[in-house]
Structure formats: C-alpha cells, structure tokens
Amino acid sequence: MNDLNKTIYHVRLHRFALVTAGCTFLLLLAGALVTSTGSSLAVPDWPLSFGKFFPQMTGGVLFEHGHRMVAGTVAILTLGLAITTQKLEQRPCVKKLAWTALGVVILQAVLGGVTVLLHLPTQVSVAHAGLAQIFFCLIVTLSLVTSKNWIGETPRRLTDRHSSLRRWALWTTFLVYIQIVVGAVARHSGAGLAIPDFPLSFGSIFPPEWTPLVLLQFAHTRAGASAVLLLVTHTAFRFCFHYPEEKGLFWPAATAGLMVWLQCFLGILIIFTQKAIVPTSVHLIFGAVILAAMLVLTLKSSQLFRTGTQV
C-alpha cells in the first residue's frame, strides 16, 4: 500500500467493493428492523427457517428471514470480493484485508445463528451487533484503498497540525465505535426506555436511583452522546476549516459533523415516541454512517500525511 507508483487501479475491483459496501449497509438496516420490530425470534431455527429455505414471508418472518437473505447475499459478495482481490490486487495488506473481511462475515453468521438458537443472550447479541460494525468498517476500508484517488494520491509533508488532526480523527472514531457498542448493550438489555424523559432524568439532572438499566441508558443517551457530539463536531470543524480544498478530507468530515446532530435528534425522538420503529432503526444506521465517515477521515488523513519529515 505504500508503493503507490507500482500500484495499478482496477476499476472492477473498486466497483465490486462499493457494491459490497452498499449491500452491507442494507444488511445493517435489515438487522435494525429485526430488532426494532421485535422479530428476532420470529424464526426459531437456524440455518433453515421452519425447516425450509424459503418460508412464508409474513409478520416477523418477513424481517427475520429477509435479514438472513441479505446476509447470505453479503457473504457471497464478500467471498467474491476476496477472490477478486487475490487475483487483481498487488498489495499484500489489501489482500489480507479482504480475507479478513471474509472471516469476519463467516463469524458474524455463526453469531447470528447462536443468537437465535440460544434465544437472544445479551452477550452474544451485543457481540453480533459490534462485529457487524467492524465488518462494515472493513468493507468501507476496502472500498477506499481500492479507489483511484487513494492509489494516485501524492503524500504531503507531515506538520504538527496534521499530526494533531490525525490523532483527533483516530480517537473520535474509537469513541464513536464505543458509543455504538454501549448502545447495543442498552438495546439488547432492554434499557432503551429505562429513563423515560429527556433532557432530564426522572425530572432531575441525575436519576434518583442508579439501577443497572438506568446506568446503561444514562451512559448512552446522556454521557456518551454528549461526548460523541462534542468530539465529532470539534474534529469535523477543524478538518473542514483547515482543508476546505481537500475533498477527501472535507466531505467525510462534513458528513460526520452533520450526521452526528441528526443522530442526537433521532435519539431524543426515540424516547419521545417510545421506541417507534422508524427512528429506532434509522438511529442505528446513522451510527454506522458516522463511524464510516470518521474511519474514512482517519484513513485519508493518515494516507495524505504519512511520509516526509515532520516540520
């Protein structure tokens, strides 16, 4: 990945990665709908559905089996992407990335099956949700590093400001992922409405009683959300202010900066609507968009200023 002069851009590989990323995004949406509609156990067996490959698609079965169909499609696409990368790509690290993605999607399928067979244990459900975001990040990374802009980009000299912004982007990406995982724990633990009001907590700034579910909900919707909102906004503003001409930095920063405010609005809407299906599902996929945008910002800033002496 470092020797750009010897790297050939393969448009077919890049498009394959983009299609896989798009289907993975649809898979995240399908998974969000399964949880939001309470359809996780609508199909009690796995890998078949009521002993069939294609059951009657009614009620919760539509969401649960539909999720499995999209997951199967993504798994096939990931296998094809790994094989195509192995054939066309020259960079060993990109080949390893593609095969890692295949291994992760297989593990994700197993976790999904275990979740159903063990009747939704919280630990497995959270692991399934967290691994889904990691897989999405892997596919987004593959889409980025196989792009023409990435391969043809000329490195810049590293300055103190560049180094500082790279660290901000990295730590913000990490915090966004942690916030997503905490949200998954709250969702699968039934803590989504443990605090029924907003912005206060039971009419006070802090809850009068700290039960485990209240602590989870407060950590996600108050403490974590505030930290993510401030950090993403700060990081996005700095990148947009300093690099308005660098589209590879400006657009992911602007996307993250805008989406994080919409995400907080959706979180408030979830409480006010008592976890309505639409805001709850969109909230989950918006989190994935913010994570992907911050990941692209982190990778792109590292790639642009990865060589040269620090000045």
Protein backbone atom coordinates (compact mmCIF):
# COMPACT_ATOMS: atom_id res chain seq x y z
CA MET A 1 0.00 0.00 0.00
CA ASN A 2 2.99 2.29 0.44
CA ASP A 3 4.47 1.99 -3.04
CA LEU A 4 1.83 3.84 -5.00
CA ASN A 5 3.90 4.05 -8.18
CA LYS A 6 3.68 0.28 -8.61
CA THR A 7 0.02 0.00 -7.71
CA ILE A 8 -2.48 -0.41 -10.53
CA TYR A 9 -6.02 0.85 -10.21
CA HIS A 10 -8.58 -1.86 -11.01
CA VAL A 11 -11.96 -0.28 -11.64
CA ARG A 12 -13.75 -3.66 -11.49
CA LEU A 13 -12.31 -4.40 -8.04
CA HIS A 14 -13.23 -0.96 -6.73
CA ARG A 15 -16.79 -1.21 -8.01
CA PHE A 16 -17.11 -4.69 -6.53
CA ALA A 17 -16.04 -3.29 -3.16
CA LEU A 18 -18.54 -0.42 -3.45
CA VAL A 19 -21.41 -2.80 -4.26
CA THR A 20 -20.45 -4.98 -1.28
CA ALA A 21 -20.34 -1.91 0.96
CA GLY A 22 -23.79 -0.83 -0.24
CA CYS A 23 -25.25 -4.27 0.40
CA THR A 24 -23.61 -4.33 3.83
CA PHE A 25 -25.31 -1.04 4.63
CA LEU A 26 -28.65 -2.61 3.62
CA LEU A 27 -27.79 -5.56 5.87
CA LEU A 28 -27.31 -3.20 8.82
CA LEU A 29 -30.71 -1.68 8.05
CA ALA A 30 -32.30 -5.13 7.84
CA GLY A 31 -30.77 -6.07 11.19
CA ALA A 32 -32.02 -2.84 12.73
CA LEU A 33 -35.55 -3.57 11.53
CA VAL A 34 -35.41 -7.08 13.02
CA THR A 35 -34.58 -5.67 16.44
CA SER A 36 -36.92 -2.68 16.21
CA THR A 37 -39.90 -4.81 15.21
CA GLY A 38 -39.19 -7.49 17.82
CA SER A 39 -38.77 -10.12 15.11
CA SER A 40 -35.52 -11.65 16.34
CA LEU A 41 -37.16 -14.98 17.24
CA ALA A 42 -39.87 -14.95 14.57
CA VAL A 43 -37.93 -17.83 13.01
CA PRO A 44 -36.95 -20.25 15.82
CA ASP A 45 -34.45 -22.42 13.91
CA TRP A 46 -31.18 -21.86 12.06
CA PRO A 47 -29.74 -22.08 9.41
CA LEU A 48 -33.09 -23.07 7.88
CA SER A 49 -36.33 -21.19 8.58
CA PHE A 50 -39.04 -23.51 9.87
CA GLY A 51 -37.06 -26.28 8.17
CA LYS A 52 -37.27 -24.53 4.80
CA PHE A 53 -35.00 -22.42 2.65
CA PHE A 54 -37.84 -20.01 1.94
CA PRO A 55 -40.74 -19.89 4.43
CA GLN A 56 -43.93 -17.89 4.07
CA MET A 57 -42.90 -14.26 4.39
CA THR A 58 -45.50 -12.89 6.78
CA GLY A 59 -45.27 -10.91 10.02
CA GLY A 60 -41.93 -11.02 11.77
CA VAL A 61 -40.72 -13.77 9.43
CA LEU A 62 -40.50 -11.16 6.68
CA PHE A 63 -37.96 -9.17 8.70
CA GLU A 64 -36.01 -12.09 10.19
CA HIS A 65 -35.78 -14.27 7.09
CA GLY A 66 -35.30 -11.18 4.92
CA HIS A 67 -32.33 -10.31 7.11
CA ARG A 68 -30.92 -13.77 6.55
CA MET A 69 -31.33 -13.46 2.80
CA VAL A 70 -29.48 -10.14 2.72
CA ALA A 71 -26.79 -11.62 5.00
CA GLY A 72 -26.34 -14.56 2.63
CA THR A 73 -26.01 -12.18 -0.31
CA VAL A 74 -23.38 -10.14 1.53
CA ALA A 75 -21.45 -13.31 2.45
CA ILE A 76 -21.38 -14.40 -1.21
CA LEU A 77 -20.31 -10.93 -2.31
CA THR A 78 -17.54 -10.90 0.30
CA LEU A 79 -16.26 -14.26 -0.92
CA GLY A 80 -16.24 -12.95 -4.47
CA LEU A 81 -14.51 -9.77 -3.33
CA ALA A 82 -11.79 -11.74 -1.54
CA ILE A 83 -11.16 -13.91 -4.61
CA THR A 84 -11.15 -10.91 -6.95
CA THR A 85 -8.77 -9.04 -4.64
CA GLN A 86 -6.46 -12.03 -4.52
CA LYS A 87 -6.34 -12.17 -8.33
CA LEU A 88 -6.06 -8.47 -9.16
CA GLU A 89 -4.55 -6.68 -6.18
CA GLN A 90 -0.77 -6.32 -5.82
CA ARG A 91 -0.66 -5.01 -2.25
CA PRO A 92 -0.39 -7.88 0.28
CA CYS A 93 -2.05 -5.85 3.03
CA VAL A 94 -5.14 -5.27 0.87
CA LYS A 95 -5.35 -9.00 0.11
CA LYS A 96 -5.16 -9.75 3.84
CA LEU A 97 -7.86 -7.15 4.48
CA ALA A 98 -10.20 -8.84 2.01
CA TRP A 99 -9.70 -12.29 3.50
CA THR A 100 -10.10 -10.87 7.00
CA ALA A 101 -13.44 -9.44 5.93
CA LEU A 102 -14.49 -12.89 4.71
CA GLY A 103 -13.50 -14.46 8.02
CA VAL A 104 -15.41 -11.80 9.94
CA VAL A 105 -18.61 -12.25 7.91
CA ILE A 106 -18.47 -16.03 8.49
CA LEU A 107 -18.04 -15.47 12.22
CA GLN A 108 -20.88 -12.94 12.09
CA ALA A 109 -23.17 -15.56 10.51
CA VAL A 110 -22.29 -18.06 13.24
CA LEU A 111 -23.00 -15.46 15.95
CA GLY A 112 -26.34 -14.73 14.31
CA GLY A 113 -27.25 -18.41 14.41
CA VAL A 114 -26.12 -18.78 18.02
CA THR A 115 -28.21 -15.74 18.94
CA VAL A 116 -31.34 -17.46 17.62
CA LEU A 117 -30.60 -20.93 18.97
CA LEU A 118 -29.82 -19.60 22.48
CA HIS A 119 -32.85 -17.26 22.44
CA LEU A 120 -31.13 -13.88 22.30
CA PRO A 121 -28.50 -13.93 25.08
CA THR A 122 -27.39 -10.36 25.65
CA GLN A 123 -23.66 -11.06 25.35
CA VAL A 124 -24.00 -12.82 22.00
CA SER A 125 -26.46 -10.25 20.64
CA VAL A 126 -24.10 -7.40 21.56
CA ALA A 127 -21.14 -9.25 20.03
CA HIS A 128 -23.20 -9.76 16.87
CA ALA A 129 -24.02 -6.04 16.71
CA GLY A 130 -20.47 -4.92 17.44
CA LEU A 131 -18.95 -7.31 14.91
CA ALA A 132 -21.40 -6.08 12.26
CA GLN A 133 -19.94 -2.58 12.61
CA ILE A 134 -16.38 -3.94 12.37
CA PHE A 135 -17.28 -5.83 9.20
CA PHE A 136 -18.83 -2.70 7.71
CA CYS A 137 -15.64 -0.78 8.51
CA LEU A 138 -13.54 -3.45 6.80
CA ILE A 139 -15.60 -3.24 3.61
CA VAL A 140 -15.57 0.56 3.68
CA THR A 141 -11.78 0.42 4.05
CA LEU A 142 -11.51 -1.93 1.07
CA SER A 143 -13.67 0.45 -0.97
CA LEU A 144 -11.39 3.33 -0.03
CA VAL A 145 -7.99 1.72 -0.60
CA THR A 146 -9.01 0.31 -4.00
CA SER A 147 -10.21 3.73 -5.23
CA LYS A 148 -8.38 5.71 -7.89
CA ASN A 149 -7.98 8.72 -5.61
CA TRP A 150 -6.32 6.65 -2.89
CA ILE A 151 -3.90 4.94 -5.28
CA GLY A 152 -2.97 8.11 -7.13
CA GLU A 153 -2.71 10.45 -4.14
CA THR A 154 0.61 12.22 -3.61
CA PRO A 155 1.80 12.25 0.02
CA ARG A 156 2.31 15.58 1.79
CA ARG A 157 4.80 16.69 4.42
CA LEU A 158 3.71 16.00 7.98
CA THR A 159 3.30 19.10 10.16
CA ASP A 160 2.37 19.45 13.81
CA ARG A 161 -1.17 20.44 12.81
CA HIS A 162 -1.54 17.40 10.56
CA SER A 163 -0.28 15.12 13.30
CA SER A 164 -2.70 16.64 15.81
CA LEU A 165 -5.68 16.29 13.49
CA ARG A 166 -4.83 12.68 12.70
CA ARG A 167 -4.90 11.88 16.41
CA TRP A 168 -8.22 13.69 16.85
CA ALA A 169 -9.72 11.71 13.97
CA LEU A 170 -8.43 8.40 15.33
CA TRP A 171 -9.67 8.90 18.88
CA THR A 172 -13.02 10.24 17.67
CA THR A 173 -13.51 7.15 15.51
CA PHE A 174 -12.72 4.95 18.50
CA LEU A 175 -15.19 6.84 20.71
CA VAL A 176 -17.95 6.57 18.10
CA TYR A 177 -17.47 2.79 17.99
CA ILE A 178 -17.56 2.52 21.79
CA GLN A 179 -20.77 4.57 21.81
CA ILE A 180 -22.31 2.18 19.27
CA VAL A 181 -21.37 -0.82 21.41
CA VAL A 182 -22.80 0.80 24.57
CA GLY A 183 -25.98 1.48 22.58
CA ALA A 184 -26.13 -2.17 21.58
CA VAL A 185 -25.76 -3.23 25.22
CA ALA A 186 -28.55 -0.85 26.23
CA ARG A 187 -30.80 -2.01 23.40
CA HIS A 188 -30.34 -5.74 23.96
CA SER A 189 -30.59 -5.36 27.74
CA GLY A 190 -33.97 -3.64 27.49
CA ALA A 191 -32.60 -0.34 28.81
CA GLY A 192 -33.76 1.81 25.91
CA LEU A 193 -36.50 3.50 27.92
CA ALA A 194 -35.09 2.99 31.41
CA ILE A 195 -35.13 6.79 31.70
CA PRO A 196 -38.48 7.82 30.16
CA ASP A 197 -37.92 11.58 29.91
CA PHE A 198 -35.44 13.93 28.26
CA PRO A 199 -33.38 16.08 28.78
CA LEU A 200 -33.98 15.49 32.49
CA SER A 201 -33.82 12.08 34.13
CA PHE A 202 -36.99 11.39 36.12
CA GLY A 203 -37.40 15.15 36.40
CA SER A 204 -33.87 15.72 37.73
CA ILE A 205 -30.45 16.32 36.27
CA PHE A 206 -29.30 12.93 37.54
CA PRO A 207 -31.50 9.87 38.16
CA PRO A 208 -32.60 9.50 41.79
CA GLU A 209 -31.78 5.78 41.67
CA TRP A 210 -28.93 4.18 39.72
CA THR A 211 -30.16 0.75 38.67
CA PRO A 212 -28.08 -1.15 36.08
CA LEU A 213 -30.58 -0.35 33.30
CA VAL A 214 -30.75 3.33 34.25
CA LEU A 215 -26.95 3.48 34.31
CA LEU A 216 -26.78 1.95 30.84
CA GLN A 217 -29.34 4.33 29.42
CA PHE A 218 -27.71 7.37 31.03
CA ALA A 219 -24.27 6.30 29.80
CA HIS A 220 -25.51 6.03 26.22
CA THR A 221 -28.07 8.80 25.81
CA ARG A 222 -26.53 11.42 28.09
CA ALA A 223 -22.83 10.94 28.83
CA GLY A 224 -21.79 9.06 25.70
CA ALA A 225 -23.98 11.05 23.33
CA SER A 226 -22.68 14.36 24.70
CA ALA A 227 -19.05 13.24 24.38
CA VAL A 228 -19.54 11.99 20.83
CA LEU A 229 -21.45 15.11 19.80
CA LEU A 230 -18.73 17.42 21.09
CA LEU A 231 -15.79 15.40 19.80
CA VAL A 232 -17.20 14.69 16.33
CA THR A 233 -18.31 18.32 15.92
CA HIS A 234 -14.91 19.60 17.03
CA THR A 235 -12.97 17.23 14.78
CA ALA A 236 -15.23 17.84 11.78
CA PHE A 237 -15.00 21.62 12.17
CA ARG A 238 -11.21 21.59 12.37
CA PHE A 239 -10.86 19.46 9.24
CA CYS A 240 -13.41 21.49 7.28
CA PHE A 241 -11.81 24.76 8.38
CA HIS A 242 -8.22 23.80 7.62
CA TYR A 243 -8.78 21.67 4.49
CA PRO A 244 -11.75 23.05 2.53
CA GLU A 245 -9.90 22.32 -0.72
CA GLU A 246 -9.11 18.70 0.18
CA LYS A 247 -12.33 16.94 -0.81
CA GLY A 248 -11.10 13.62 0.55
CA LEU A 249 -10.96 15.23 4.00
CA PHE A 250 -13.68 17.86 3.75
CA TRP A 251 -16.58 15.63 2.73
CA PRO A 252 -16.20 12.83 5.30
CA ALA A 253 -15.66 15.48 7.99
CA ALA A 254 -18.72 17.44 6.89
CA THR A 255 -20.78 14.24 6.69
CA ALA A 256 -19.83 13.18 10.22
CA GLY A 257 -20.39 16.69 11.57
CA LEU A 258 -23.91 16.89 10.10
CA MET A 259 -24.95 13.32 10.83
CA VAL A 260 -23.97 13.44 14.50
CA TRP A 261 -26.50 16.22 15.12
CA LEU A 262 -29.21 14.32 13.25
CA GLN A 263 -28.25 11.24 15.25
CA CYS A 264 -28.77 13.04 18.55
CA PHE A 265 -32.15 14.31 17.34
CA LEU A 266 -33.15 10.73 16.49
CA GLY A 267 -32.03 9.56 19.93
CA ILE A 268 -34.32 12.13 21.54
CA LEU A 269 -37.12 11.15 19.16
CA ILE A 270 -36.77 7.51 20.21
CA ILE A 271 -37.53 8.45 23.81
CA PHE A 272 -40.43 10.75 22.91
CA THR A 273 -42.01 8.14 20.58
CA GLN A 274 -41.40 5.24 22.98
CA LYS A 275 -39.00 3.47 20.60
CA ALA A 276 -41.01 3.81 17.40
CA ILE A 277 -39.73 1.54 14.63
CA VAL A 278 -38.60 4.19 12.13
CA PRO A 279 -36.48 6.47 14.37
CA THR A 280 -35.04 3.46 16.22
CA SER A 281 -33.94 1.74 13.00
CA VAL A 282 -32.63 4.91 11.36
CA HIS A 283 -30.74 5.75 14.56
CA LEU A 284 -28.78 2.53 14.26
CA ILE A 285 -27.77 3.00 10.63
CA PHE A 286 -26.93 6.68 11.18
CA GLY A 287 -24.46 5.48 13.79
CA ALA A 288 -22.87 3.27 11.13
CA VAL A 289 -22.66 6.22 8.73
CA ILE A 290 -20.93 8.40 11.32
CA LEU A 291 -18.49 5.61 12.14
CA ALA A 292 -17.72 5.05 8.44
CA ALA A 293 -17.25 8.77 7.81
CA MET A 294 -14.85 9.10 10.74
CA LEU A 295 -12.99 5.98 9.65
CA VAL A 296 -12.54 7.38 6.12
CA LEU A 297 -11.39 10.68 7.62
CA THR A 298 -8.85 8.88 9.81
CA LEU A 299 -7.51 6.72 6.98
CA LYS A 300 -7.44 9.53 4.46
CA SER A 301 -5.63 11.93 6.79
CA SER A 302 -3.08 9.22 7.61
CA GLN A 303 -2.58 8.45 3.92
CA LEU A 304 -2.17 12.06 2.86
CA PHE A 305 0.46 12.89 5.50
CA ARG A 306 2.11 9.53 6.07
CA THR A 307 5.60 10.33 4.74
CA GLY A 308 8.18 13.05 4.88
CA THR A 309 9.94 14.66 7.81
CA GLN A 310 7.85 16.38 10.42
CA VAL A 311 8.12 20.20 10.26
